[in-house]
């Protein structure tokens, strides 16, 4: 079963600062995404919308396109989301290492016969 990561809600200020890191400070999208612990694809979308002058959902008065209001994400929720994402990445890395260790162990056994 594939573990799904929770969908994050970012404030307008966070989005604006992330885009400014790229457009004004000259950081690459990959570097800014790594520093902010967000997906490069998400950041690419935000930069594209900023260049076209389109406001992403939730940036005006914290309302979504459907008119529903979203509450601000607390620091604890943000940290929990970051830790869940990191946990999922670490599990994936662990699984890859287990498989590679098993592969190389079987290869070394073949060489001794």
PDB file of N, CA and C in Angstrom:
ATOM      1  N   UNK A   1       0.839  -1.174   0.000  1.00  0.00           N
ATOM      2  CA  UNK A   1       0.000   0.000   0.000  1.00  0.00           C
ATOM      3  C   UNK A   1       0.888   1.242   0.000  1.00  0.00           C
ATOM      4  N   UNK A   2       0.583   2.181  -0.870  1.00  0.00           N
ATOM      5  CA  UNK A   2       1.362   3.392  -0.995  1.00  0.00           C
ATOM      6  C   UNK A   2       0.926   4.403   0.057  1.00  0.00           C
ATOM      7  N   UNK A   3       1.881   4.986   0.753  1.00  0.00           N
ATOM      8  CA  UNK A   3       1.567   5.964   1.787  1.00  0.00           C
ATOM      9  C   UNK A   3       1.411   7.334   1.143  1.00  0.00           C
ATOM     10  N   UNK A   4       0.244   7.947   1.354  1.00  0.00           N
ATOM     11  CA  UNK A   4      -0.013   9.268   0.789  1.00  0.00           C
ATOM     12  C   UNK A   4       0.444  10.346   1.754  1.00  0.00           C
ATOM     13  N   UNK A   5       1.060  11.365   1.193  1.00  0.00           N
ATOM     14  CA  UNK A   5       1.459  12.502   1.993  1.00  0.00           C
ATOM     15  C   UNK A   5       0.294  13.472   2.080  1.00  0.00           C
ATOM     16  N   UNK A   6       0.135  14.149   3.213  1.00  0.00           N
ATOM     17  CA  UNK A   6      -0.973  15.092   3.335  1.00  0.00           C
ATOM     18  C   UNK A   6      -0.770  16.291   2.429  1.00  0.00           C
ATOM     19  N   UNK A   7      -1.864  16.831   1.930  1.00  0.00           N
ATOM     20  CA  UNK A   7      -1.800  18.014   1.087  1.00  0.00           C
ATOM     21  C   UNK A   7      -1.579  19.226   1.981  1.00  0.00           C
ATOM     22  N   UNK A   8      -0.631  20.053   1.622  1.00  0.00           N
ATOM     23  CA  UNK A   8      -0.313  21.204   2.438  1.00  0.00           C
ATOM     24  C   UNK A   8      -1.029  22.442   1.926  1.00  0.00           C
ATOM     25  N   UNK A   9      -1.320  23.341   2.839  1.00  0.00           N
ATOM     26  CA  UNK A   9      -1.913  24.626   2.503  1.00  0.00           C
ATOM     27  C   UNK A   9      -0.892  25.692   2.864  1.00  0.00           C
ATOM     28  N   UNK A  10      -0.489  26.478   1.892  1.00  0.00           N
ATOM     29  CA  UNK A  10       0.523  27.494   2.118  1.00  0.00           C
ATOM     30  C   UNK A  10      -0.125  28.866   2.134  1.00  0.00           C
ATOM     31  N   UNK A  11       0.378  29.732   2.991  1.00  0.00           N
ATOM     32  CA  UNK A  11      -0.153  31.094   3.058  1.00  0.00           C
ATOM     33  C   UNK A  11       0.324  31.887   1.852  1.00  0.00           C
ATOM     34  N   UNK A  12      -0.383  32.969   1.577  1.00  0.00           N
ATOM     35  CA  UNK A  12      -0.021  33.832   0.455  1.00  0.00           C
ATOM     36  C   UNK A  12       1.370  34.416   0.665  1.00  0.00           C
ATOM     37  N   UNK A  13       1.685  34.760   1.904  1.00  0.00           N
ATOM     38  CA  UNK A  13       2.997  35.337   2.200  1.00  0.00           C
ATOM     39  C   UNK A  13       4.112  34.327   1.928  1.00  0.00           C
ATOM     40  N   UNK A  14       3.884  33.080   2.301  1.00  0.00           N
ATOM     41  CA  UNK A  14       4.885  32.042   2.060  1.00  0.00           C
ATOM     42  C   UNK A  14       5.117  31.878   0.564  1.00  0.00           C
ATOM     43  N   UNK A  15       4.027  31.821  -0.205  1.00  0.00           N
ATOM     44  CA  UNK A  15       4.153  31.664  -1.659  1.00  0.00           C
ATOM     45  C   UNK A  15       4.913  32.829  -2.270  1.00  0.00           C
ATOM     46  N   UNK A  16       4.563  34.036  -1.819  1.00  0.00           N
ATOM     47  CA  UNK A  16       5.210  35.224  -2.359  1.00  0.00           C
ATOM     48  C   UNK A  16       6.704  35.223  -2.040  1.00  0.00           C
ATOM     49  N   UNK A  17       7.061  34.879  -0.819  1.00  0.00           N
ATOM     50  CA  UNK A  17       8.468  34.845  -0.439  1.00  0.00           C
ATOM     51  C   UNK A  17       9.222  33.758  -1.206  1.00  0.00           C
ATOM     52  N   UNK A  18       8.573  32.626  -1.441  1.00  0.00           N
ATOM     53  CA  UNK A  18       9.216  31.552  -2.190  1.00  0.00           C
ATOM     54  C   UNK A  18       9.506  31.989  -3.624  1.00  0.00           C
ATOM     55  N   UNK A  19       8.544  32.660  -4.244  1.00  0.00           N
ATOM     56  CA  UNK A  19       8.724  33.137  -5.622  1.00  0.00           C
ATOM     57  C   UNK A  19       9.814  34.211  -5.671  1.00  0.00           C
ATOM     58  N   UNK A  20       9.847  35.081  -4.662  1.00  0.00           N
ATOM     59  CA  UNK A  20      10.861  36.129  -4.631  1.00  0.00           C
ATOM     60  C   UNK A  20      12.265  35.560  -4.485  1.00  0.00           C
ATOM     61  N   UNK A  21      12.406  34.427  -3.796  1.00  0.00           N
ATOM     62  CA  UNK A  21      13.717  33.788  -3.676  1.00  0.00           C
ATOM     63  C   UNK A  21      14.275  33.462  -5.057  1.00  0.00           C
ATOM     64  N   UNK A  22      13.382  33.124  -5.962  1.00  0.00           N
ATOM     65  CA  UNK A  22      13.817  32.725  -7.300  1.00  0.00           C
ATOM     66  C   UNK A  22      13.966  33.938  -8.216  1.00  0.00           C
ATOM     67  N   UNK A  23      12.945  34.773  -8.243  1.00  0.00           N
ATOM     68  CA  UNK A  23      12.943  35.874  -9.193  1.00  0.00           C
ATOM     69  C   UNK A  23      13.888  37.006  -8.798  1.00  0.00           C
ATOM     70  N   UNK A  24      13.961  37.327  -7.520  1.00  0.00           N
ATOM     71  CA  UNK A  24      14.783  38.457  -7.092  1.00  0.00           C
ATOM     72  C   UNK A  24      16.169  38.042  -6.625  1.00  0.00           C
ATOM     73  N   UNK A  25      16.246  36.929  -5.911  1.00  0.00           N
ATOM     74  CA  UNK A  25      17.532  36.511  -5.351  1.00  0.00           C
ATOM     75  C   UNK A  25      18.323  35.620  -6.300  1.00  0.00           C
ATOM     76  N   UNK A  26      17.677  35.135  -7.348  1.00  0.00           N
ATOM     77  CA  UNK A  26      18.384  34.359  -8.355  1.00  0.00           C
ATOM     78  C   UNK A  26      18.648  32.904  -7.995  1.00  0.00           C
ATOM     79  N   UNK A  27      17.972  32.377  -6.978  1.00  0.00           N
ATOM     80  CA  UNK A  27      18.131  30.961  -6.650  1.00  0.00           C
ATOM     81  C   UNK A  27      17.479  30.098  -7.717  1.00  0.00           C
ATOM     82  N   UNK A  28      17.996  28.911  -7.907  1.00  0.00           N
ATOM     83  CA  UNK A  28      17.342  27.982  -8.824  1.00  0.00           C
ATOM     84  C   UNK A  28      16.103  27.429  -8.137  1.00  0.00           C
ATOM     85  N   UNK A  29      15.169  26.942  -8.931  1.00  0.00           N
ATOM     86  CA  UNK A  29      13.946  26.373  -8.376  1.00  0.00           C
ATOM     87  C   UNK A  29      14.278  25.169  -7.501  1.00  0.00           C
ATOM     88  N   UNK A  30      15.203  24.339  -7.955  1.00  0.00           N
ATOM     89  CA  UNK A  30      15.573  23.151  -7.188  1.00  0.00           C
ATOM     90  C   UNK A  30      16.161  23.530  -5.827  1.00  0.00           C
ATOM     91  N   UNK A  31      17.036  24.535  -5.809  1.00  0.00           N
ATOM     92  CA  UNK A  31      17.662  24.952  -4.553  1.00  0.00           C
ATOM     93  C   UNK A  31      16.634  25.573  -3.611  1.00  0.00           C
ATOM     94  N   UNK A  32      15.774  26.431  -4.133  1.00  0.00           N
ATOM     95  CA  UNK A  32      14.744  27.056  -3.296  1.00  0.00           C
ATOM     96  C   UNK A  32      13.778  26.002  -2.756  1.00  0.00           C
ATOM     97  N   UNK A  33      13.404  25.044  -3.584  1.00  0.00           N
ATOM     98  CA  UNK A  33      12.500  23.980  -3.149  1.00  0.00           C
ATOM     99  C   UNK A  33      13.144  23.150  -2.055  1.00  0.00           C
ATOM    100  N   UNK A  34      14.429  22.876  -2.181  1.00  0.00           N
ATOM    101  CA  UNK A  34      15.140  22.105  -1.163  1.00  0.00           C
ATOM    102  C   UNK A  34      15.196  22.877   0.153  1.00  0.00           C
ATOM    103  N   UNK A  35      15.495  24.165   0.071  1.00  0.00           N
ATOM    104  CA  UNK A  35      15.572  24.986   1.279  1.00  0.00           C
ATOM    105  C   UNK A  35      14.221  25.103   1.986  1.00  0.00           C
ATOM    106  N   UNK A  36      13.149  25.164   1.199  1.00  0.00           N
ATOM    107  CA  UNK A  36      11.812  25.336   1.773  1.00  0.00           C
ATOM    108  C   UNK A  36      11.121  24.012   2.058  1.00  0.00           C
ATOM    109  N   UNK A  37      11.730  22.915   1.661  1.00  0.00           N
ATOM    110  CA  UNK A  37      11.163  21.565   1.856  1.00  0.00           C
ATOM    111  C   UNK A  37       9.803  21.434   1.192  1.00  0.00           C
ATOM    112  N   UNK A  38       9.728  21.911  -0.064  1.00  0.00           N
ATOM    113  CA  UNK A  38       8.510  21.747  -0.854  1.00  0.00           C
ATOM    114  C   UNK A  38       8.878  21.154  -2.200  1.00  0.00           C
ATOM    115  N   UNK A  39       7.872  20.732  -2.931  1.00  0.00           N
ATOM    116  CA  UNK A  39       8.089  20.121  -4.235  1.00  0.00           C
ATOM    117  C   UNK A  39       8.573  21.154  -5.252  1.00  0.00           C
ATOM    118  N   UNK A  40       9.586  20.802  -6.056  1.00  0.00           N
ATOM    119  CA  UNK A  40      10.010  21.718  -7.122  1.00  0.00           C
ATOM    120  C   UNK A  40       8.881  22.001  -8.111  1.00  0.00           C
ATOM    121  N   UNK A  41       8.014  21.012  -8.344  1.00  0.00           N
ATOM    122  CA  UNK A  41       6.895  21.213  -9.265  1.00  0.00           C
ATOM    123  C   UNK A  41       5.941  22.286  -8.726  1.00  0.00           C
ATOM    124  N   UNK A  42       5.668  22.244  -7.432  1.00  0.00           N
ATOM    125  CA  UNK A  42       4.802  23.251  -6.818  1.00  0.00           C
ATOM    126  C   UNK A  42       5.415  24.629  -6.984  1.00  0.00           C
ATOM    127  N   UNK A  43       6.703  24.730  -6.716  1.00  0.00           N
ATOM    128  CA  UNK A  43       7.390  26.006  -6.831  1.00  0.00           C
ATOM    129  C   UNK A  43       7.425  26.491  -8.284  1.00  0.00           C
ATOM    130  N   UNK A  44       7.603  25.573  -9.219  1.00  0.00           N
ATOM    131  CA  UNK A  44       7.569  25.931 -10.640  1.00  0.00           C
ATOM    132  C   UNK A  44       6.209  26.506 -11.011  1.00  0.00           C
ATOM    133  N   UNK A  45       5.148  25.886 -10.509  1.00  0.00           N
ATOM    134  CA  UNK A  45       3.795  26.392 -10.776  1.00  0.00           C
ATOM    135  C   UNK A  45       3.617  27.801 -10.224  1.00  0.00           C
ATOM    136  N   UNK A  46       4.087  28.037  -8.998  1.00  0.00           N
ATOM    137  CA  UNK A  46       3.942  29.359  -8.385  1.00  0.00           C
ATOM    138  C   UNK A  46       4.710  30.419  -9.167  1.00  0.00           C
ATOM    139  N   UNK A  47       5.920  30.084  -9.614  1.00  0.00           N
ATOM    140  CA  UNK A  47       6.726  31.039 -10.377  1.00  0.00           C
ATOM    141  C   UNK A  47       6.036  31.349 -11.708  1.00  0.00           C
ATOM    142  N   UNK A  48       5.525  30.320 -12.370  1.00  0.00           N
ATOM    143  CA  UNK A  48       4.818  30.528 -13.636  1.00  0.00           C
ATOM    144  C   UNK A  48       3.603  31.414 -13.461  1.00  0.00           C
ATOM    145  N   UNK A  49       2.831  31.181 -12.402  1.00  0.00           N
ATOM    146  CA  UNK A  49       1.652  32.015 -12.142  1.00  0.00           C
ATOM    147  C   UNK A  49       2.062  33.450 -11.834  1.00  0.00           C
ATOM    148  N   UNK A  50       3.144  33.622 -11.097  1.00  0.00           N
ATOM    149  CA  UNK A  50       3.605  34.969 -10.763  1.00  0.00           C
ATOM    150  C   UNK A  50       4.040  35.721 -12.014  1.00  0.00           C
ATOM    151  N   UNK A  51       4.726  35.016 -12.917  1.00  0.00           N
ATOM    152  CA  UNK A  51       5.175  35.657 -14.159  1.00  0.00           C
ATOM    153  C   UNK A  51       4.000  36.046 -15.050  1.00  0.00           C
ATOM    154  N   UNK A  52       2.920  35.250 -14.994  1.00  0.00           N
ATOM    155  CA  UNK A  52       1.734  35.559 -15.792  1.00  0.00           C
ATOM    156  C   UNK A  52       0.771  36.506 -15.073  1.00  0.00           C
ATOM    157  N   UNK A  53       1.076  36.806 -13.817  1.00  0.00           N
ATOM    158  CA  UNK A  53       0.222  37.701 -13.051  1.00  0.00           C
ATOM    159  C   UNK A  53      -1.037  37.046 -12.526  1.00  0.00           C
ATOM    160  N   UNK A  54      -1.027  35.728 -12.434  1.00  0.00           N
ATOM    161  CA  UNK A  54      -2.185  34.980 -11.946  1.00  0.00           C
ATOM    162  C   UNK A  54      -1.983  34.713 -10.466  1.00  0.00           C
ATOM    163  N   UNK A  55      -3.015  34.960  -9.672  1.00  0.00           N
ATOM    164  CA  UNK A  55      -2.938  34.663  -8.251  1.00  0.00           C
ATOM    165  C   UNK A  55      -3.304  33.211  -8.017  1.00  0.00           C
ATOM    166  N   UNK A  56      -2.469  32.479  -7.298  1.00  0.00           N
ATOM    167  CA  UNK A  56      -2.821  31.099  -6.977  1.00  0.00           C
ATOM    168  C   UNK A  56      -4.009  31.052  -6.030  1.00  0.00           C
ATOM    169  N   UNK A  57      -4.669  29.901  -5.981  1.00  0.00           N
ATOM    170  CA  UNK A  57      -5.807  29.726  -5.090  1.00  0.00           C
ATOM    171  C   UNK A  57      -5.393  30.019  -3.666  1.00  0.00           C
ATOM    172  N   UNK A  58      -6.269  30.705  -2.953  1.00  0.00           N
ATOM    173  CA  UNK A  58      -6.034  30.951  -1.544  1.00  0.00           C
ATOM    174  C   UNK A  58      -5.165  32.157  -1.243  1.00  0.00           C
ATOM    175  N   UNK A  59      -4.808  32.976  -2.250  1.00  0.00           N
ATOM    176  CA  UNK A  59      -3.925  34.086  -1.968  1.00  0.00           C
ATOM    177  C   UNK A  59      -4.673  35.383  -1.675  1.00  0.00           C
ATOM    178  N   UNK A  60      -5.947  35.483  -1.992  1.00  0.00           N
ATOM    179  CA  UNK A  60      -6.682  36.691  -1.668  1.00  0.00           C
ATOM    180  C   UNK A  60      -7.598  36.418  -0.493  1.00  0.00           C
ATOM    181  N   UNK A  61      -7.347  37.098   0.601  1.00  0.00           N
ATOM    182  CA  UNK A  61      -8.148  36.940   1.814  1.00  0.00           C
ATOM    183  C   UNK A  61      -8.224  35.498   2.298  1.00  0.00           C
ATOM    184  N   UNK A  62      -7.251  34.708   1.957  1.00  0.00           N
ATOM    185  CA  UNK A  62      -7.186  33.311   2.397  1.00  0.00           C
ATOM    186  C   UNK A  62      -8.429  32.514   1.997  1.00  0.00           C
ATOM    187  N   UNK A  63      -9.034  32.825   0.866  1.00  0.00           N
ATOM    188  CA  UNK A  63     -10.224  32.119   0.393  1.00  0.00           C
ATOM    189  C   UNK A  63      -9.852  31.252  -0.798  1.00  0.00           C
ATOM    190  N   UNK A  64     -10.546  30.145  -0.956  1.00  0.00           N
ATOM    191  CA  UNK A  64     -10.296  29.280  -2.097  1.00  0.00           C
ATOM    192  C   UNK A  64     -11.190  29.696  -3.251  1.00  0.00           C
ATOM    193  N   UNK A  65     -11.014  29.081  -4.403  1.00  0.00           N
ATOM    194  CA  UNK A  65     -11.813  29.418  -5.573  1.00  0.00           C
ATOM    195  C   UNK A  65     -13.292  29.143  -5.332  1.00  0.00           C
ATOM    196  N   UNK A  66     -13.599  28.178  -4.504  1.00  0.00           N
ATOM    197  CA  UNK A  66     -14.987  27.843  -4.209  1.00  0.00           C
ATOM    198  C   UNK A  66     -15.622  28.782  -3.204  1.00  0.00           C
ATOM    199  N   UNK A  67     -14.873  29.726  -2.688  1.00  0.00           N
ATOM    200  CA  UNK A  67     -15.430  30.680  -1.757  1.00  0.00           C
ATOM    201  C   UNK A  67     -15.325  30.252  -0.295  1.00  0.00           C
ATOM    202  N   UNK A  68     -14.891  29.035  -0.034  1.00  0.00           N
ATOM    203  CA  UNK A  68     -14.736  28.589   1.350  1.00  0.00           C
ATOM    204  C   UNK A  68     -13.499  29.241   1.939  1.00  0.00           C
ATOM    205  N   UNK A  69     -13.548  29.506   3.215  1.00  0.00           N
ATOM    206  CA  UNK A  69     -12.400  30.090   3.901  1.00  0.00           C
ATOM    207  C   UNK A  69     -11.540  28.978   4.475  1.00  0.00           C
ATOM    208  N   UNK A  70     -10.259  29.140   4.372  1.00  0.00           N
ATOM    209  CA  UNK A  70      -9.324  28.184   4.954  1.00  0.00           C
ATOM    210  C   UNK A  70      -8.647  28.852   6.130  1.00  0.00           C
ATOM    211  N   UNK A  71      -8.431  28.073   7.156  1.00  0.00           N
ATOM    212  CA  UNK A  71      -7.733  28.618   8.315  1.00  0.00           C
ATOM    213  C   UNK A  71      -6.235  28.572   8.057  1.00  0.00           C
ATOM    214  N   UNK A  72      -5.513  29.390   8.773  1.00  0.00           N
ATOM    215  CA  UNK A  72      -4.063  29.417   8.657  1.00  0.00           C
ATOM    216  C   UNK A  72      -3.484  28.112   9.201  1.00  0.00           C
ATOM    217  N   UNK A  73      -2.395  27.689   8.633  1.00  0.00           N
ATOM    218  CA  UNK A  73      -1.710  26.485   9.102  1.00  0.00           C
ATOM    219  C   UNK A  73      -0.848  26.889  10.295  1.00  0.00           C
ATOM    220  N   UNK A  74      -1.007  26.175  11.399  1.00  0.00           N
ATOM    221  CA  UNK A  74      -0.213  26.490  12.592  1.00  0.00           C
ATOM    222  C   UNK A  74       1.202  25.970  12.426  1.00  0.00           C
ATOM    223  N   UNK A  75       2.088  26.467  13.267  1.00  0.00           N
ATOM    224  CA  UNK A  75       3.482  26.014  13.223  1.00  0.00           C
ATOM    225  C   UNK A  75       3.574  24.518  13.502  1.00  0.00           C
ATOM    226  N   UNK A  76       2.752  24.037  14.429  1.00  0.00           N
ATOM    227  CA  UNK A  76       2.776  22.616  14.766  1.00  0.00           C
ATOM    228  C   UNK A  76       2.327  21.764  13.581  1.00  0.00           C
ATOM    229  N   UNK A  77       1.281  22.220  12.875  1.00  0.00           N
ATOM    230  CA  UNK A  77       0.800  21.476  11.709  1.00  0.00           C
ATOM    231  C   UNK A  77       1.834  21.483  10.593  1.00  0.00           C
ATOM    232  N   UNK A  78       2.480  22.607  10.424  1.00  0.00           N
ATOM    233  CA  UNK A  78       3.522  22.713   9.403  1.00  0.00           C
ATOM    234  C   UNK A  78       4.684  21.769   9.728  1.00  0.00           C
ATOM    235  N   UNK A  79       5.092  21.760  10.989  1.00  0.00           N
ATOM    236  CA  UNK A  79       6.180  20.876  11.416  1.00  0.00           C
ATOM    237  C   UNK A  79       5.784  19.411  11.267  1.00  0.00           C
ATOM    238  N   UNK A  80       4.549  19.083  11.641  1.00  0.00           N
ATOM    239  CA  UNK A  80       4.068  17.712  11.514  1.00  0.00           C
ATOM    240  C   UNK A  80       4.070  17.268  10.053  1.00  0.00           C
ATOM    241  N   UNK A  81       3.630  18.148   9.176  1.00  0.00           N
ATOM    242  CA  UNK A  81       3.622  17.828   7.750  1.00  0.00           C
ATOM    243  C   UNK A  81       5.039  17.614   7.232  1.00  0.00           C
ATOM    244  N   UNK A  82       5.963  18.487   7.652  1.00  0.00           N
ATOM    245  CA  UNK A  82       7.352  18.354   7.224  1.00  0.00           C
ATOM    246  C   UNK A  82       7.939  17.040   7.726  1.00  0.00           C
ATOM    247  N   UNK A  83       7.636  16.683   8.973  1.00  0.00           N
ATOM    248  CA  UNK A  83       8.161  15.439   9.536  1.00  0.00           C
ATOM    249  C   UNK A  83       7.560  14.212   8.859  1.00  0.00           C
ATOM    250  N   UNK A  84       6.283  14.280   8.498  1.00  0.00           N
ATOM    251  CA  UNK A  84       5.659  13.162   7.781  1.00  0.00           C
ATOM    252  C   UNK A  84       6.302  12.979   6.412  1.00  0.00           C
ATOM    253  N   UNK A  85       6.558  14.095   5.737  1.00  0.00           N
ATOM    254  CA  UNK A  85       7.200  14.028   4.416  1.00  0.00           C
ATOM    255  C   UNK A  85       8.600  13.429   4.561  1.00  0.00           C
ATOM    256  N   UNK A  86       9.341  13.896   5.566  1.00  0.00           N
ATOM    257  CA  UNK A  86      10.685  13.383   5.797  1.00  0.00           C
ATOM    258  C   UNK A  86      10.649  11.897   6.154  1.00  0.00           C
ATOM    259  N   UNK A  87       9.677  11.494   6.955  1.00  0.00           N
ATOM    260  CA  UNK A  87       9.516  10.091   7.334  1.00  0.00           C
ATOM    261  C   UNK A  87       9.256   9.224   6.102  1.00  0.00           C
ATOM    262  N   UNK A  88       8.395   9.704   5.220  1.00  0.00           N
ATOM    263  CA  UNK A  88       8.093   8.947   4.000  1.00  0.00           C
ATOM    264  C   UNK A  88       9.341   8.804   3.132  1.00  0.00           C
ATOM    265  N   UNK A  89      10.130   9.881   3.032  1.00  0.00           N
ATOM    266  CA  UNK A  89      11.365   9.827   2.243  1.00  0.00           C
ATOM    267  C   UNK A  89      12.356   8.839   2.860  1.00  0.00           C
ATOM    268  N   UNK A  90      12.476   8.879   4.186  1.00  0.00           N
ATOM    269  CA  UNK A  90      13.406   7.970   4.857  1.00  0.00           C
ATOM    270  C   UNK A  90      12.984   6.512   4.695  1.00  0.00           C
ATOM    271  N   UNK A  91      11.676   6.244   4.747  1.00  0.00           N
ATOM    272  CA  UNK A  91      11.194   4.876   4.522  1.00  0.00           C
ATOM    273  C   UNK A  91      11.541   4.407   3.118  1.00  0.00           C
ATOM    274  N   UNK A  92      11.361   5.300   2.146  1.00  0.00           N
ATOM    275  CA  UNK A  92      11.673   4.948   0.769  1.00  0.00           C
ATOM    276  C   UNK A  92      13.175   4.647   0.627  1.00  0.00           C
ATOM    277  N   UNK A  93      14.016   5.499   1.221  1.00  0.00           N
ATOM    278  CA  UNK A  93      15.457   5.267   1.166  1.00  0.00           C
ATOM    279  C   UNK A  93      15.834   3.958   1.845  1.00  0.00           C
ATOM    280  N   UNK A  94      15.212   3.664   2.984  1.00  0.00           N
ATOM    281  CA  UNK A  94      15.483   2.419   3.705  1.00  0.00           C
ATOM    282  C   UNK A  94      15.127   1.218   2.835  1.00  0.00           C
ATOM    283  N   UNK A  95      13.968   1.273   2.170  1.00  0.00           N
ATOM    284  CA  UNK A  95      13.553   0.166   1.312  1.00  0.00           C
ATOM    285  C   UNK A  95      14.523  -0.037   0.148  1.00  0.00           C
ATOM    286  N   UNK A  96      14.993   1.053  -0.421  1.00  0.00           N
ATOM    287  CA  UNK A  96      15.960   0.962  -1.516  1.00  0.00           C
ATOM    288  C   UNK A  96      17.250   0.315  -1.014  1.00  0.00           C
ATOM    289  N   UNK A  97      17.703   0.737   0.165  1.00  0.00           N
ATOM    290  CA  UNK A  97      18.936   0.165   0.719  1.00  0.00           C
ATOM    291  C   UNK A  97      18.776  -1.314   1.040  1.00  0.00           C
ATOM    292  N   UNK A  98      17.617  -1.710   1.537  1.00  0.00           N
ATOM    293  CA  UNK A  98      17.377  -3.134   1.821  1.00  0.00           C
ATOM    294  C   UNK A  98      17.467  -3.954   0.540  1.00  0.00           C
ATOM    295  N   UNK A  99      16.826  -3.446  -0.513  1.00  0.00           N
ATOM    296  CA  UNK A  99      16.828  -4.177  -1.780  1.00  0.00           C
ATOM    297  C   UNK A  99      18.227  -4.253  -2.374  1.00  0.00           C
ATOM    298  N   UNK A 100      18.959  -3.144  -2.295  1.00  0.00           N
ATOM    299  CA  UNK A 100      20.314  -3.172  -2.867  1.00  0.00           C
ATOM    300  C   UNK A 100      21.234  -4.076  -2.043  1.00  0.00           C
ATOM    301  N   UNK A 101      21.077  -4.092  -0.728  1.00  0.00           N
ATOM    302  CA  UNK A 101      21.891  -4.975   0.107  1.00  0.00           C
ATOM    303  C   UNK A 101      21.597  -6.437  -0.219  1.00  0.00           C
ATOM    304  N   UNK A 102      20.315  -6.759  -0.404  1.00  0.00           N
ATOM    305  CA  UNK A 102      19.947  -8.132  -0.748  1.00  0.00           C
ATOM    306  C   UNK A 102      20.515  -8.509  -2.121  1.00  0.00           C
ATOM    307  N   UNK A 103      20.468  -7.577  -3.061  1.00  0.00           N
ATOM    308  CA  UNK A 103      20.989  -7.832  -4.405  1.00  0.00           C
ATOM    309  C   UNK A 103      22.489  -8.111  -4.355  1.00  0.00           C
ATOM    310  N   UNK A 104      23.241  -7.244  -3.674  1.00  0.00           N
ATOM    311  CA  UNK A 104      24.688  -7.420  -3.624  1.00  0.00           C
ATOM    312  C   UNK A 104      25.077  -8.648  -2.810  1.00  0.00           C
ATOM    313  N   UNK A 105      24.303  -8.983  -1.805  1.00  0.00           N
ATOM    314  CA  UNK A 105      24.569 -10.209  -1.023  1.00  0.00           C
ATOM    315  C   UNK A 105      24.401 -11.420  -1.925  1.00  0.00           C
ATOM    316  N   UNK A 106      23.356 -11.442  -2.747  1.00  0.00           N
ATOM    317  CA  UNK A 106      23.140 -12.591  -3.629  1.00  0.00           C
ATOM    318  C   UNK A 106      24.224 -12.639  -4.706  1.00  0.00           C
ATOM    319  N   UNK A 107      24.682 -11.489  -5.167  1.00  0.00           N
ATOM    320  CA  UNK A 107      25.763 -11.447  -6.162  1.00  0.00           C
ATOM    321  C   UNK A 107      27.059 -11.980  -5.569  1.00  0.00           C
ATOM    322  N   UNK A 108      27.345 -11.646  -4.326  1.00  0.00           N
ATOM    323  CA  UNK A 108      28.594 -12.117  -3.723  1.00  0.00           C
ATOM    324  C   UNK A 108      28.536 -13.622  -3.467  1.00  0.00           C
ATOM    325  N   UNK A 109      27.356 -14.140  -3.188  1.00  0.00           N
ATOM    326  CA  UNK A 109      27.217 -15.585  -3.005  1.00  0.00           C
ATOM    327  C   UNK A 109      27.432 -16.336  -4.306  1.00  0.00           C
ATOM    328  N   UNK A 110      26.977 -15.751  -5.414  1.00  0.00           N
ATOM    329  CA  UNK A 110      27.180 -16.388  -6.712  1.00  0.00           C
ATOM    330  C   UNK A 110      28.656 -16.466  -7.073  1.00  0.00           C
ATOM    331  N   UNK A 111      29.428 -15.468  -6.659  1.00  0.00           N
ATOM    332  CA  UNK A 111      30.850 -15.427  -6.997  1.00  0.00           C
ATOM    333  C   UNK A 111      31.674 -16.429  -6.211  1.00  0.00           C
ATOM    334  N   UNK A 112      31.154 -16.974  -5.113  1.00  0.00           N
ATOM    335  CA  UNK A 112      31.933 -17.896  -4.300  1.00  0.00           C
ATOM    336  C   UNK A 112      31.747 -19.337  -4.740  1.00  0.00           C
ATOM    337  N   UNK A 113      30.828 -19.603  -5.623  1.00  0.00           N
ATOM    338  CA  UNK A 113      30.588 -20.993  -6.047  1.00  0.00           C
ATOM    339  C   UNK A 113      31.454 -21.394  -7.189  1.00  0.00           C
TER     340      UNK A 113
END
